[in-house]
Structure formats: C-alpha cells, structure tokens
C-alpha atoms as a PDB file:
ATOM      1  CA  UNK A   1    -163.836  12.601 -68.752  1.00  0.00           C
ATOM      2  CA  UNK A   2    -161.585   9.808 -69.186  1.00  0.00           C
ATOM      3  CA  UNK A   3    -161.181   6.687 -67.117  1.00  0.00           C
ATOM      4  CA  UNK A   4    -160.131   6.711 -63.763  1.00  0.00           C
ATOM      5  CA  UNK A   5    -156.331   5.730 -62.660  1.00  0.00           C
ATOM      6  CA  UNK A   6    -157.481   2.739 -61.085  1.00  0.00           C
ATOM      7  CA  UNK A   7    -159.429   1.775 -64.088  1.00  0.00           C
ATOM      8  CA  UNK A   8    -156.558   2.030 -66.031  1.00  0.00           C
ATOM      9  CA  UNK A   9    -153.992   0.293 -64.019  1.00  0.00           C
ATOM     10  CA  UNK A  10    -156.629  -2.430 -63.667  1.00  0.00           C
ATOM     11  CA  UNK A  11    -156.809  -2.657 -67.395  1.00  0.00           C
ATOM     12  CA  UNK A  12    -153.556  -2.565 -68.231  1.00  0.00           C
ATOM     13  CA  UNK A  13    -152.868  -5.380 -65.657  1.00  0.00           C
ATOM     14  CA  UNK A  14    -156.136  -7.483 -66.795  1.00  0.00           C
ATOM     15  CA  UNK A  15    -157.410  -7.772 -63.507  1.00  0.00           C
ATOM     16  CA  UNK A  16    -160.789  -6.050 -62.258  1.00  0.00           C
ATOM     17  CA  UNK A  17    -160.879  -2.250 -60.549  1.00  0.00           C
ATOM     18  CA  UNK A  18    -161.579  -4.209 -57.243  1.00  0.00           C
ATOM     19  CA  UNK A  19    -158.719  -6.505 -57.672  1.00  0.00           C
ATOM     20  CA  UNK A  20    -156.381  -3.338 -58.335  1.00  0.00           C
ATOM     21  CA  UNK A  21    -158.183  -1.208 -55.105  1.00  0.00           C
ATOM     22  CA  UNK A  22    -157.281  -4.669 -52.971  1.00  0.00           C
ATOM     23  CA  UNK A  23    -153.370  -4.641 -54.422  1.00  0.00           C
ATOM     24  CA  UNK A  24    -153.182  -0.981 -53.301  1.00  0.00           C
ATOM     25  CA  UNK A  25    -154.896  -1.340 -50.007  1.00  0.00           C
ATOM     26  CA  UNK A  26    -152.625  -4.033 -49.401  1.00  0.00           C
ATOM     27  CA  UNK A  27    -149.835  -2.001 -50.018  1.00  0.00           C
ATOM     28  CA  UNK A  28    -150.758   0.887 -47.908  1.00  0.00           C
ATOM     29  CA  UNK A  29    -151.375  -1.164 -44.995  1.00  0.00           C
ATOM     30  CA  UNK A  30    -147.952  -2.622 -45.559  1.00  0.00           C
ATOM     31  CA  UNK A  31    -146.322   0.702 -45.438  1.00  0.00           C
ATOM     32  CA  UNK A  32    -148.628   2.049 -42.664  1.00  0.00           C
ATOM     33  CA  UNK A  33    -146.866  -1.120 -40.762  1.00  0.00           C
ATOM     34  CA  UNK A  34    -143.214  -0.299 -41.747  1.00  0.00           C
ATOM     35  CA  UNK A  35    -140.767  -1.136 -39.061  1.00  0.00           C
ATOM     36  CA  UNK A  36    -138.854   1.973 -40.766  1.00  0.00           C
ATOM     37  CA  UNK A  37    -139.961   4.456 -38.512  1.00  0.00           C
ATOM     38  CA  UNK A  38    -139.295   7.399 -41.482  1.00  0.00           C
ATOM     39  CA  UNK A  39    -141.193   5.389 -44.180  1.00  0.00           C
ATOM     40  CA  UNK A  40    -143.901   4.470 -41.780  1.00  0.00           C
ATOM     41  CA  UNK A  41    -144.361   8.210 -41.135  1.00  0.00           C
ATOM     42  CA  UNK A  42    -144.611   9.084 -44.645  1.00  0.00           C
ATOM     43  CA  UNK A  43    -147.592   6.778 -44.922  1.00  0.00           C
ATOM     44  CA  UNK A  44    -148.954   8.245 -41.505  1.00  0.00           C
ATOM     45  CA  UNK A  45    -148.872  11.599 -43.086  1.00  0.00           C
ATOM     46  CA  UNK A  46    -151.630  10.829 -45.762  1.00  0.00           C
ATOM     47  CA  UNK A  47    -155.154  12.459 -44.544  1.00  0.00           C
ATOM     48  CA  UNK A  48    -157.845   9.911 -44.128  1.00  0.00           C
ATOM     49  CA  UNK A  49    -161.227   9.384 -42.146  1.00  0.00           C
ATOM     50  CA  UNK A  50    -160.009   6.227 -40.872  1.00  0.00           C
ATOM     51  CA  UNK A  51    -157.333   4.491 -39.223  1.00  0.00           C
ATOM     52  CA  UNK A  52    -155.788   3.596 -42.724  1.00  0.00           C
ATOM     53  CA  UNK A  53    -156.218   5.503 -46.104  1.00  0.00           C
ATOM     54  CA  UNK A  54    -158.080   4.360 -48.951  1.00  0.00           C
ATOM     55  CA  UNK A  55    -156.672   4.022 -52.207  1.00  0.00           C
ATOM     56  CA  UNK A  56    -158.631   7.239 -53.115  1.00  0.00           C
ATOM     57  CA  UNK A  57    -157.261   9.325 -50.279  1.00  0.00           C
ATOM     58  CA  UNK A  58    -153.797   7.940 -51.079  1.00  0.00           C
ATOM     59  CA  UNK A  59    -154.101   9.327 -54.931  1.00  0.00           C
ATOM     60  CA  UNK A  60    -155.488  12.335 -53.664  1.00  0.00           C
ATOM     61  CA  UNK A  61    -152.516  12.802 -51.552  1.00  0.00           C
ATOM     62  CA  UNK A  62    -150.199  12.044 -53.767  1.00  0.00           C
ATOM     63  CA  UNK A  63    -151.495  14.039 -56.900  1.00  0.00           C
ATOM     64  CA  UNK A  64    -152.058  17.157 -54.244  1.00  0.00           C
ATOM     65  CA  UNK A  65    -148.346  16.614 -53.205  1.00  0.00           C
ATOM     66  CA  UNK A  66    -146.795  16.584 -56.675  1.00  0.00           C
ATOM     67  CA  UNK A  67    -148.507  19.570 -57.406  1.00  0.00           C
ATOM     68  CA  UNK A  68    -147.469  21.497 -54.277  1.00  0.00           C
ATOM     69  CA  UNK A  69    -144.224  20.494 -54.501  1.00  0.00           C
ATOM     70  CA  UNK A  70    -144.261  21.726 -58.320  1.00  0.00           C
ATOM     71  CA  UNK A  71    -143.849  18.434 -59.758  1.00  0.00           C
ATOM     72  CA  UNK A  72    -147.097  18.304 -61.562  1.00  0.00           C
ATOM     73  CA  UNK A  73    -145.541  17.553 -64.790  1.00  0.00           C
ATOM     74  CA  UNK A  74    -144.596  13.872 -63.542  1.00  0.00           C
ATOM     75  CA  UNK A  75    -148.481  13.456 -63.881  1.00  0.00           C
ATOM     76  CA  UNK A  76    -148.782  14.220 -67.459  1.00  0.00           C
ATOM     77  CA  UNK A  77    -148.328  10.594 -68.336  1.00  0.00           C
ATOM     78  CA  UNK A  78    -151.835  10.115 -66.815  1.00  0.00           C
ATOM     79  CA  UNK A  79    -152.958  13.171 -68.739  1.00  0.00           C
ATOM     80  CA  UNK A  80    -155.885  11.375 -70.772  1.00  0.00           C
ATOM     81  CA  UNK A  81    -157.354   9.514 -67.657  1.00  0.00           C
END
C-alpha cells in the first residue's frame, strides 16, 4: 500500500505528518465556527464521533462524497497513495 494522503501532503510541504494533521484540524475547526450558516452546515454534515471531525473523518467523508456524487475521477491525482 502506498503512503497515506497526509504523509504525502506533509512530505510535499516539508513538514511532519503531525504538523499536517494540525493544519487540517485547524481548518476544520475554523469551518465548524464559520459565521456563514451555509458554510458551517457543510462542515457540520461531516459524520464524526466527537464534537469536531478528525482529519481522518474529514478525509473519509470527502472521498465518500466525491465517489457518491460521481466525481471519483477527481481522486485520480492521488491514485498512487
């Protein structure tokens, strides 16, 4: 199995996987607190076990949503992960 998306993103940016996860987590938290109710609702739609989605929960949701909407081809860029 190839590298995880977060490993690839971290490597491409010259940072650790933990730093990459922290960046993604910060963006998720920002989205969950967006003043725009429509944008906030999009973030709140992410299935999660806790109050705020984890980076892995966000990634699973994003991939599943793309595939369900017939846009799985957009994932081809990362086919070798």
